[in-house]
Amino acid sequence: MPKCETPQYEDYRKLIAFQARSFNRLYAVELDELMCEGNLIFVQACQKYNSARSSFSTFLYRCLQNRLQSFCTTQRRQMFFMYSADGEMPEAECRDDIRVKNAVFIRQSIAQLPAAGKRSMRLLMTTPAALGLDGSEGPKATRGALKRHILSQGETWAATWQTLREIRNIFQEVRA
């Protein structure tokens, strides 16, 4: 059977799902949202694809990497704005939303952290690049970078360990 000129979704469904799961693990963004975004990226990649420059799978892979990274960064910034003390909470009719409940819980938890924990949390939520992270690291590398940052602020090892434990517990509560 001759190969179609137009890329077929079924041929690339697994690649889209793989990338969505990878970004879901890295950024804790809803898998459904990432899959939807990945499907939109596929449609746009089909429209922009130039066969003279690369194979479609390479082009789609690059598009998925770049656009899902941007999508997750935007989601992280929106979460931080909602979780930060100066961010506005949604209207009263939206207060039953699980994100709003999580935002309230995280705000309260961050308020109870020591000053170093608050600084680290703000840095982690807004600018992971300031910790030397590009988003491709796993949780262990992220914890290491965060630990180095907290220690560089003049905190003791015991205080650093306690701060990391508290930050981990906040996120585990939210994910549960």
Protein backbone atom coordinates (compact mmCIF):
# COMPACT_ATOMS: atom_id res chain seq x y z
CA MET A 1 0.00 0.00 0.00
CA PRO A 2 1.51 3.38 -0.96
CA LYS A 3 2.40 5.76 1.85
CA CYS A 4 0.16 8.81 2.19
CA GLU A 5 1.65 12.27 1.71
CA THR A 6 -0.26 13.62 4.70
CA PRO A 7 0.90 12.28 8.09
CA GLN A 8 -1.71 10.08 9.73
CA TYR A 9 -2.55 10.64 13.39
CA GLU A 10 -2.49 6.93 14.26
CA ASP A 11 1.15 6.72 13.18
CA TYR A 12 2.16 9.38 15.72
CA ARG A 13 -0.34 8.84 18.53
CA LYS A 14 2.20 6.96 20.67
CA LEU A 15 4.80 9.72 20.26
CA ILE A 16 2.26 12.35 21.39
CA ALA A 17 1.20 10.21 24.36
CA PHE A 18 4.83 9.53 25.34
CA GLN A 19 5.69 13.23 25.32
CA ALA A 20 2.52 14.11 27.25
CA ARG A 21 3.34 11.52 29.94
CA SER A 22 6.92 12.80 30.17
CA PHE A 23 5.79 16.38 30.75
CA ASN A 24 3.10 15.16 33.14
CA ARG A 25 5.78 13.53 35.30
CA LEU A 26 8.10 16.54 35.14
CA TYR A 27 5.57 19.31 35.72
CA ALA A 28 2.53 17.63 37.29
CA VAL A 29 0.25 19.21 34.68
CA GLU A 30 -2.93 17.25 33.97
CA LEU A 31 -2.31 14.47 31.44
CA ASP A 32 -5.59 15.24 29.61
CA GLU A 33 -4.53 18.86 29.10
CA LEU A 34 -1.16 17.76 27.76
CA MET A 35 -2.76 15.23 25.41
CA CYS A 36 -5.14 17.88 24.07
CA GLU A 37 -2.26 20.30 23.58
CA GLY A 38 -0.25 17.52 21.90
CA ASN A 39 -3.10 16.83 19.48
CA LEU A 40 -3.30 20.53 18.59
CA ILE A 41 0.46 20.57 18.06
CA PHE A 42 0.10 17.59 15.71
CA VAL A 43 -2.50 19.41 13.59
CA GLN A 44 -0.35 22.54 13.43
CA ALA A 45 2.76 20.49 12.62
CA CYS A 46 0.91 18.86 9.71
CA GLN A 47 0.13 22.30 8.32
CA LYS A 48 3.67 23.69 8.74
CA TYR A 49 5.67 20.60 7.77
CA ASN A 50 8.27 20.98 5.00
CA SER A 51 9.50 17.59 3.76
CA ALA A 52 12.68 19.13 2.33
CA ARG A 53 13.95 20.05 5.80
CA SER A 54 13.41 16.88 7.91
CA SER A 55 11.29 13.82 8.42
CA PHE A 56 7.86 14.43 9.89
CA SER A 57 8.59 12.46 13.05
CA THR A 58 11.64 14.63 13.79
CA PHE A 59 9.68 17.80 13.08
CA LEU A 60 6.77 16.66 15.28
CA TYR A 61 9.11 15.62 18.09
CA ARG A 62 10.75 19.07 18.10
CA CYS A 63 7.36 20.82 17.95
CA LEU A 64 6.07 18.73 20.86
CA GLN A 65 9.17 19.39 22.94
CA ASN A 66 9.09 23.15 22.40
CA ARG A 67 5.36 23.74 22.64
CA LEU A 68 4.73 21.42 25.60
CA GLN A 69 7.63 23.09 27.42
CA SER A 70 6.01 26.49 26.80
CA PHE A 71 2.60 25.15 27.81
CA CYS A 72 3.92 23.73 31.08
CA THR A 73 5.81 26.93 31.87
CA THR A 74 2.62 28.93 31.34
CA GLN A 75 0.69 26.51 33.55
CA ARG A 76 3.35 26.76 36.27
CA ARG A 77 3.24 30.55 36.20
CA GLN A 78 -0.54 30.55 36.40
CA MET A 79 -0.39 28.15 39.35
CA PHE A 80 2.18 30.31 41.09
CA PHE A 81 0.06 33.42 40.59
CA MET A 82 -2.94 31.62 42.05
CA TYR A 83 -0.87 30.19 44.94
CA SER A 84 1.02 33.39 45.75
CA ALA A 85 -0.33 35.68 48.42
CA ASP A 86 -0.75 38.56 45.99
CA GLY A 87 -2.56 36.49 43.33
CA GLU A 88 -6.29 36.96 42.99
CA MET A 89 -8.57 34.09 43.87
CA PRO A 90 -11.34 33.19 41.40
CA GLU A 91 -14.93 34.28 41.88
CA ALA A 92 -17.08 32.66 44.58
CA GLU A 93 -18.87 30.31 42.15
CA CYS A 94 -15.52 28.73 41.21
CA ARG A 95 -14.41 28.09 44.80
CA ASP A 96 -15.45 24.41 44.66
CA ASP A 97 -12.85 23.82 41.96
CA ILE A 98 -10.05 21.49 43.16
CA ARG A 99 -7.40 23.94 41.89
CA VAL A 100 -8.80 26.70 44.07
CA LYS A 101 -8.86 24.39 47.09
CA ASN A 102 -5.25 23.42 46.36
CA ALA A 103 -4.32 27.10 45.98
CA VAL A 104 -5.78 27.92 49.37
CA PHE A 105 -3.97 24.97 50.97
CA ILE A 106 -0.64 25.89 49.34
CA ARG A 107 -0.98 29.56 50.33
CA GLN A 108 -1.58 28.57 53.93
CA SER A 109 1.30 26.09 53.87
CA ILE A 110 3.75 28.55 52.30
CA ALA A 111 2.81 31.16 54.92
CA GLN A 112 3.97 28.71 57.63
CA LEU A 113 7.37 28.01 56.02
CA PRO A 114 10.49 29.72 57.35
CA ALA A 115 11.84 32.65 55.32
CA ALA A 116 14.30 30.43 53.41
CA GLY A 117 11.46 28.06 52.50
CA LYS A 118 9.34 30.92 51.18
CA ARG A 119 12.23 32.20 49.05
CA SER A 120 12.95 28.72 47.72
CA MET A 121 9.29 28.05 46.97
CA ARG A 122 8.98 31.34 45.06
CA LEU A 123 12.15 30.57 43.11
CA LEU A 124 11.05 27.03 42.36
CA MET A 125 7.59 28.07 41.16
CA THR A 126 8.60 31.02 38.99
CA THR A 127 12.14 30.66 37.69
CA PRO A 128 13.59 27.16 37.75
CA ALA A 129 16.29 28.43 35.35
CA ALA A 130 17.68 30.51 38.23
CA LEU A 131 18.45 27.20 39.95
CA GLY A 132 20.26 25.99 36.84
CA LEU A 133 17.35 23.82 35.71
CA ASP A 134 16.09 23.63 32.14
CA GLY A 135 13.08 21.41 32.78
CA SER A 136 14.57 18.15 31.55
CA GLU A 137 15.92 17.10 34.95
CA GLY A 138 14.19 14.67 37.20
CA PRO A 139 13.09 15.25 40.78
CA LYS A 140 16.46 14.24 42.22
CA ALA A 141 18.36 16.90 40.25
CA THR A 142 15.72 19.48 41.13
CA ARG A 143 16.06 18.69 44.83
CA GLY A 144 19.85 18.92 44.55
CA ALA A 145 19.70 22.33 42.87
CA LEU A 146 17.20 23.55 45.44
CA LYS A 147 19.41 22.24 48.26
CA ARG A 148 22.46 24.05 46.87
CA HIS A 149 20.44 27.25 46.60
CA ILE A 150 19.16 27.04 50.18
CA LEU A 151 22.66 26.29 51.51
CA SER A 152 24.06 29.24 49.55
CA GLN A 153 21.61 31.49 51.42
CA GLY A 154 23.50 30.71 54.65
CA GLU A 155 21.10 28.12 56.06
CA THR A 156 22.39 25.15 58.05
CA TRP A 157 22.12 21.60 56.75
CA ALA A 158 19.43 20.72 59.31
CA ALA A 159 17.34 23.78 58.38
CA THR A 160 17.83 23.02 54.68
CA TRP A 161 16.74 19.41 55.12
CA GLN A 162 13.68 20.51 57.11
CA THR A 163 12.74 23.08 54.44
CA LEU A 164 13.02 20.50 51.64
CA ARG A 165 10.90 18.07 53.65
CA GLU A 166 8.22 20.71 54.21
CA ILE A 167 8.12 21.66 50.52
CA ARG A 168 7.86 17.98 49.55
CA ASN A 169 5.02 17.46 52.03
CA ILE A 170 3.09 20.43 50.62
CA PHE A 171 3.19 18.98 47.11
CA GLN A 172 2.41 15.46 48.30
CA GLU A 173 -0.68 16.77 50.08
CA VAL A 174 -1.84 18.51 46.91
CA ARG A 175 -1.25 15.49 44.68
CA ALA A 176 -3.07 13.13 47.07
